[in-house]
N, C-alpha and C. Protein backbone atom coordinates (compact mmCIF):
# COMPACT_ATOMS: atom_id res chain seq x y z
N MET A 1 47.32 110.64 98.67
CA MET A 1 46.51 111.01 99.79
C MET A 1 45.29 111.81 99.37
N GLU A 2 45.39 112.46 98.20
CA GLU A 2 44.25 113.25 97.73
C GLU A 2 43.02 112.38 97.49
N SER A 3 43.22 111.20 96.98
CA SER A 3 42.07 110.35 96.70
C SER A 3 41.31 110.00 97.98
N ILE A 4 42.03 109.80 99.07
CA ILE A 4 41.38 109.52 100.35
C ILE A 4 40.55 110.73 100.78
N GLU A 5 41.11 111.93 100.65
CA GLU A 5 40.38 113.14 101.00
C GLU A 5 39.14 113.31 100.13
N CYS A 6 39.20 112.79 98.90
CA CYS A 6 38.07 112.91 97.97
C CYS A 6 37.09 111.75 98.07
N GLY A 7 37.35 110.79 98.95
CA GLY A 7 36.39 109.72 99.20
C GLY A 7 36.67 108.39 98.55
N ALA A 8 37.89 108.18 98.10
CA ALA A 8 38.25 106.89 97.49
C ALA A 8 39.41 106.26 98.26
N PRO A 9 39.25 105.06 98.79
CA PRO A 9 40.37 104.40 99.48
C PRO A 9 41.46 104.06 98.47
N VAL A 10 42.66 103.87 98.96
CA VAL A 10 43.80 103.59 98.09
C VAL A 10 44.38 102.21 98.36
N VAL A 11 45.00 101.66 97.32
CA VAL A 11 45.80 100.45 97.44
C VAL A 11 47.23 100.88 97.18
N LEU A 12 48.12 100.53 98.08
CA LEU A 12 49.52 100.92 97.97
C LEU A 12 50.36 99.73 97.54
N GLY A 13 51.31 99.98 96.68
CA GLY A 13 52.24 98.94 96.25
C GLY A 13 53.51 98.96 97.07
N ARG A 14 54.57 98.45 96.48
CA ARG A 14 55.86 98.36 97.19
C ARG A 14 56.58 99.68 97.30
N HIS A 15 56.40 100.55 96.34
CA HIS A 15 57.22 101.77 96.26
C HIS A 15 56.37 103.00 96.58
N PHE A 16 56.61 103.53 97.76
CA PHE A 16 55.86 104.69 98.21
C PHE A 16 56.79 105.53 99.08
N GLU A 17 57.99 105.78 98.57
CA GLU A 17 59.03 106.43 99.35
C GLU A 17 58.73 107.88 99.72
N ASN A 18 58.05 108.61 98.83
CA ASN A 18 57.84 110.03 99.09
C ASN A 18 56.95 110.29 100.30
N PHE A 19 56.08 109.36 100.60
CA PHE A 19 55.19 109.51 101.75
C PHE A 19 55.17 108.22 102.55
N ALA A 20 56.35 107.79 102.92
CA ALA A 20 56.51 106.51 103.62
C ALA A 20 55.75 106.49 104.94
N ALA A 21 55.79 107.57 105.69
CA ALA A 21 55.12 107.60 106.99
C ALA A 21 53.61 107.44 106.82
N GLU A 22 53.06 108.13 105.84
CA GLU A 22 51.62 108.02 105.59
C GLU A 22 51.25 106.62 105.11
N ALA A 23 52.10 106.06 104.25
CA ALA A 23 51.84 104.70 103.76
C ALA A 23 51.86 103.69 104.90
N GLU A 24 52.79 103.85 105.80
CA GLU A 24 52.86 102.94 106.96
C GLU A 24 51.63 103.10 107.85
N ALA A 25 51.21 104.34 108.05
CA ALA A 25 50.03 104.59 108.89
C ALA A 25 48.78 103.97 108.25
N ILE A 26 48.64 104.13 106.94
CA ILE A 26 47.49 103.54 106.24
C ILE A 26 47.55 102.02 106.35
N SER A 27 48.72 101.45 106.14
CA SER A 27 48.88 99.99 106.21
C SER A 27 48.56 99.46 107.60
N ALA A 28 48.92 100.23 108.62
CA ALA A 28 48.69 99.79 109.99
C ALA A 28 47.20 99.76 110.34
N THR A 29 46.43 100.69 109.77
CA THR A 29 45.01 100.75 110.10
C THR A 29 44.12 100.03 109.10
N CYS A 30 44.66 99.77 107.92
CA CYS A 30 43.89 99.15 106.84
C CYS A 30 44.82 98.19 106.10
N GLY A 31 45.03 97.03 106.68
CA GLY A 31 46.02 96.08 106.17
C GLY A 31 45.87 95.72 104.71
N GLU A 32 44.62 95.63 104.22
CA GLU A 32 44.42 95.25 102.82
C GLU A 32 44.89 96.34 101.86
N ALA A 33 45.15 97.55 102.35
CA ALA A 33 45.58 98.64 101.49
C ALA A 33 46.98 98.41 100.93
N ARG A 34 47.80 97.64 101.62
CA ARG A 34 49.17 97.40 101.17
C ARG A 34 49.23 96.07 100.44
N GLN A 35 49.54 96.11 99.16
CA GLN A 35 49.60 94.90 98.34
C GLN A 35 50.93 94.85 97.61
N GLU A 36 51.53 93.69 97.57
CA GLU A 36 52.84 93.51 96.93
C GLU A 36 52.74 93.09 95.47
N THR A 37 51.56 92.62 95.05
CA THR A 37 51.42 92.14 93.67
C THR A 37 50.22 92.80 93.00
N ALA A 38 50.24 92.79 91.68
CA ALA A 38 49.12 93.33 90.93
C ALA A 38 47.86 92.52 91.17
N SER A 39 48.00 91.21 91.30
CA SER A 39 46.82 90.38 91.54
C SER A 39 46.23 90.66 92.92
N GLY A 40 47.07 90.93 93.89
CA GLY A 40 46.57 91.29 95.22
C GLY A 40 45.83 92.61 95.19
N ALA A 41 46.39 93.59 94.48
CA ALA A 41 45.73 94.89 94.35
C ALA A 41 44.40 94.73 93.63
N ALA A 42 44.38 93.94 92.57
CA ALA A 42 43.14 93.72 91.81
C ALA A 42 42.07 93.07 92.69
N SER A 43 42.48 92.14 93.52
CA SER A 43 41.53 91.46 94.40
C SER A 43 40.90 92.44 95.38
N VAL A 44 41.71 93.31 95.96
CA VAL A 44 41.19 94.31 96.90
C VAL A 44 40.24 95.26 96.18
N LEU A 45 40.63 95.72 95.01
CA LEU A 45 39.78 96.63 94.25
C LEU A 45 38.45 95.97 93.87
N GLN A 46 38.50 94.71 93.48
CA GLN A 46 37.27 93.99 93.16
C GLN A 46 36.34 93.91 94.37
N THR A 47 36.93 93.62 95.52
CA THR A 47 36.13 93.57 96.76
C THR A 47 35.47 94.92 97.02
N TRP A 48 36.25 95.99 96.93
CA TRP A 48 35.70 97.32 97.19
C TRP A 48 34.62 97.69 96.18
N LEU A 49 34.78 97.28 94.93
CA LEU A 49 33.77 97.61 93.92
C LEU A 49 32.48 96.82 94.13
N ARG A 50 32.60 95.61 94.61
CA ARG A 50 31.42 94.76 94.85
C ARG A 50 30.72 95.06 96.17
N ASP A 51 31.48 95.55 97.14
CA ASP A 51 30.95 95.68 98.50
C ASP A 51 31.15 97.11 99.01
N PRO A 52 30.16 97.96 98.83
CA PRO A 52 30.27 99.35 99.27
C PRO A 52 30.58 99.48 100.77
N ALA A 53 30.07 98.58 101.58
CA ALA A 53 30.33 98.65 103.03
C ALA A 53 31.81 98.40 103.31
N ALA A 54 32.42 97.45 102.62
CA ALA A 54 33.85 97.18 102.80
C ALA A 54 34.68 98.37 102.33
N ARG A 55 34.27 98.95 101.21
CA ARG A 55 34.98 100.12 100.68
C ARG A 55 34.90 101.27 101.68
N THR A 56 33.72 101.51 102.22
CA THR A 56 33.54 102.60 103.17
C THR A 56 34.32 102.36 104.44
N ALA A 57 34.33 101.12 104.92
CA ALA A 57 35.10 100.80 106.13
C ALA A 57 36.59 101.03 105.90
N SER A 58 37.10 100.63 104.74
CA SER A 58 38.52 100.84 104.42
C SER A 58 38.82 102.33 104.31
N LEU A 59 37.95 103.06 103.64
CA LEU A 59 38.14 104.50 103.50
C LEU A 59 38.18 105.18 104.87
N ASN A 60 37.25 104.84 105.73
CA ASN A 60 37.23 105.44 107.07
C ASN A 60 38.48 105.12 107.86
N SER A 61 38.97 103.89 107.74
CA SER A 61 40.22 103.52 108.41
C SER A 61 41.38 104.33 107.88
N GLN A 62 41.43 104.47 106.55
CA GLN A 62 42.52 105.23 105.95
C GLN A 62 42.45 106.70 106.32
N ARG A 63 41.26 107.26 106.37
CA ARG A 63 41.13 108.67 106.77
C ARG A 63 41.62 108.89 108.20
N ARG A 64 41.31 107.96 109.08
CA ARG A 64 41.77 108.09 110.48
C ARG A 64 43.29 108.01 110.58
N ALA A 65 43.92 107.34 109.63
CA ALA A 65 45.38 107.16 109.68
C ALA A 65 46.14 108.41 109.26
N LEU A 66 45.48 109.29 108.53
CA LEU A 66 46.16 110.45 107.99
C LEU A 66 45.96 111.69 108.84
N PRO A 67 46.93 112.61 108.76
CA PRO A 67 46.70 113.90 109.39
C PRO A 67 45.59 114.63 108.62
N ASP A 68 45.12 115.72 109.17
CA ASP A 68 44.06 116.43 108.46
C ASP A 68 44.60 117.07 107.18
N ALA A 69 43.69 117.50 106.32
CA ALA A 69 44.05 118.00 105.00
C ALA A 69 45.01 119.20 105.08
N GLU A 70 44.85 120.03 106.07
CA GLU A 70 45.75 121.19 106.21
C GLU A 70 47.17 120.74 106.48
N GLN A 71 47.34 119.73 107.33
CA GLN A 71 48.68 119.20 107.59
C GLN A 71 49.29 118.58 106.34
N ILE A 72 48.47 117.89 105.56
CA ILE A 72 48.96 117.30 104.32
C ILE A 72 49.42 118.39 103.36
N ALA A 73 48.62 119.44 103.21
CA ALA A 73 49.00 120.55 102.32
C ALA A 73 50.31 121.19 102.78
N LYS A 74 50.46 121.38 104.09
CA LYS A 74 51.71 121.95 104.61
C LYS A 74 52.90 121.04 104.30
N ALA A 75 52.71 119.74 104.42
CA ALA A 75 53.80 118.80 104.12
C ALA A 75 54.19 118.87 102.65
N TYR A 76 53.19 118.95 101.76
CA TYR A 76 53.47 119.09 100.33
C TYR A 76 54.29 120.35 100.07
N LEU A 77 53.83 121.47 100.61
CA LEU A 77 54.52 122.73 100.38
C LEU A 77 55.93 122.72 100.93
N GLU A 78 56.11 122.09 102.08
CA GLU A 78 57.45 122.00 102.67
C GLU A 78 58.39 121.22 101.76
N LYS A 79 57.90 120.11 101.22
CA LYS A 79 58.74 119.30 100.33
C LYS A 79 58.99 119.98 98.99
N LEU A 80 58.02 120.76 98.52
CA LEU A 80 58.14 121.42 97.23
C LEU A 80 58.86 122.77 97.30
N SER A 81 58.97 123.34 98.49
CA SER A 81 59.48 124.70 98.61
C SER A 81 60.86 124.92 97.98
N PRO A 82 61.82 123.98 98.08
CA PRO A 82 63.10 124.24 97.43
C PRO A 82 62.95 124.44 95.91
N TRP A 83 62.10 123.66 95.28
CA TRP A 83 61.90 123.78 93.83
C TRP A 83 61.09 125.03 93.50
N LEU A 84 60.09 125.32 94.32
CA LEU A 84 59.29 126.51 94.08
C LEU A 84 60.14 127.78 94.19
N LYS A 85 61.04 127.80 95.17
CA LYS A 85 61.92 128.96 95.33
C LYS A 85 62.81 129.14 94.11
N LYS A 86 63.31 128.04 93.56
CA LYS A 86 64.15 128.12 92.35
C LYS A 86 63.33 128.65 91.17
N LEU A 87 62.09 128.20 91.04
CA LEU A 87 61.25 128.64 89.93
C LEU A 87 60.91 130.13 90.03
N CYS A 88 60.74 130.58 91.25
CA CYS A 88 60.32 131.98 91.46
C CYS A 88 61.50 132.94 91.57
N ALA A 89 62.71 132.42 91.55
CA ALA A 89 63.90 133.29 91.72
C ALA A 89 64.21 134.05 90.44
């Protein structure tokens, strides 16, 4: 999700369990973001590299699908808190 916040759209593969809800939201608003094969991912990336307007449209769709950056940071901290507490104990 950080890459989207930094201005780069993402291509998602089959395995995205840690942030399944976000992956589904991105896929729902930007269908080309979800690719099952390496060749499919490569094709999307080639399109984005050749066509800045397509890349920007995909990025904007993906940004709309995600909660704001503060919510993302809170979700990270919530998931990491059990390990952080062990480290700081």
